[in-house]
Amino acid sequence: MPLVSIPAHYDGAQVLLDEEVALRPNARLIVTVLEDADSEREDFLRLAESGLAAAYDGDEVEYTEADLRR
């Protein structure tokens, strides 16, 4: 069988393939665990929050609509 990537997930007890594929008994496999996408999103949100907090701290001047040019 040629080298092929098959999406799968772990259900807490075993690894389950998400697509049907014909495998021989005792077929050799390589399993790659992907980083949790939710974890990456949380890291991004924390980084964005800290950047905004640094850019708009309590000492910033409050601008009114009258201060804006049209």
Protein backbone atom coordinates (compact mmCIF):
# COMPACT_ATOMS: atom_id res chain seq x y z
CA MET A 1 0.00 0.00 0.00
CA PRO A 2 1.38 3.47 -0.81
CA LEU A 3 2.07 5.99 1.95
CA VAL A 4 -1.24 7.70 2.80
CA SER A 5 -2.49 10.05 5.54
CA ILE A 6 -5.83 9.18 7.12
CA PRO A 7 -7.60 11.50 9.59
CA ALA A 8 -8.38 9.83 12.90
CA HIS A 9 -9.33 10.63 16.48
CA TYR A 10 -8.88 9.13 19.93
CA ASP A 11 -12.14 8.33 21.75
CA GLY A 12 -10.52 7.89 25.16
CA ALA A 13 -9.94 4.17 24.70
CA GLN A 14 -8.70 3.62 21.16
CA VAL A 15 -7.63 5.39 17.97
CA LEU A 16 -10.42 5.36 15.38
CA LEU A 17 -9.94 6.11 11.68
CA ASP A 18 -12.29 8.80 10.35
CA GLU A 19 -12.26 7.37 6.81
CA GLU A 20 -12.73 3.81 5.68
CA VAL A 21 -9.51 2.25 4.44
CA ALA A 22 -8.55 -1.35 3.70
CA LEU A 23 -5.63 -2.32 5.93
CA ARG A 24 -3.90 -5.67 6.17
CA PRO A 25 -3.74 -7.27 9.61
CA ASN A 26 -0.66 -6.04 11.49
CA ALA A 27 -0.18 -3.17 9.01
CA ARG A 28 2.52 -0.79 10.24
CA LEU A 29 1.21 2.68 11.10
CA ILE A 30 2.66 5.98 12.27
CA VAL A 31 0.44 8.07 14.55
CA THR A 32 1.00 11.84 14.78
CA VAL A 33 -0.79 13.67 17.58
CA LEU A 34 -1.88 17.15 16.47
CA GLU A 35 -2.01 20.10 18.83
CA ASP A 36 -5.46 20.96 20.09
CA ALA A 37 -6.83 23.81 17.92
CA ASP A 38 -8.72 25.26 20.91
CA SER A 39 -5.48 25.55 22.85
CA GLU A 40 -3.88 27.46 19.99
CA ARG A 41 -6.86 29.83 19.80
CA GLU A 42 -6.69 30.49 23.56
CA ASP A 43 -2.97 31.30 23.26
CA PHE A 44 -3.73 33.74 20.43
CA LEU A 45 -6.51 35.44 22.40
CA ARG A 46 -4.25 35.88 25.45
CA LEU A 47 -1.52 37.39 23.24
CA ALA A 48 -4.01 39.76 21.57
CA GLU A 49 -5.43 40.81 24.92
CA SER A 50 -2.00 41.61 26.37
CA GLY A 51 -1.07 43.59 23.24
CA LEU A 52 -4.25 45.65 23.41
CA ALA A 53 -3.78 46.23 27.14
CA ALA A 54 -0.27 47.57 26.48
CA ALA A 55 -1.46 49.79 23.62
CA TYR A 56 -4.47 51.20 25.48
CA ASP A 57 -3.48 51.48 29.12
CA GLY A 58 -5.16 53.70 31.74
CA ASP A 59 -2.93 56.71 30.95
CA GLU A 60 -4.18 57.08 27.38
CA VAL A 61 -5.94 60.27 26.35
CA GLU A 62 -9.65 59.86 25.69
CA TYR A 63 -10.54 61.24 22.29
CA THR A 64 -14.02 62.54 21.54
CA GLU A 65 -15.80 62.59 18.21
CA ALA A 66 -14.90 66.29 17.96
CA ASP A 67 -11.19 65.35 17.94
CA LEU A 68 -11.62 63.29 14.76
CA ARG A 69 -11.14 64.82 11.31
CA ARG A 70 -13.70 64.19 8.63
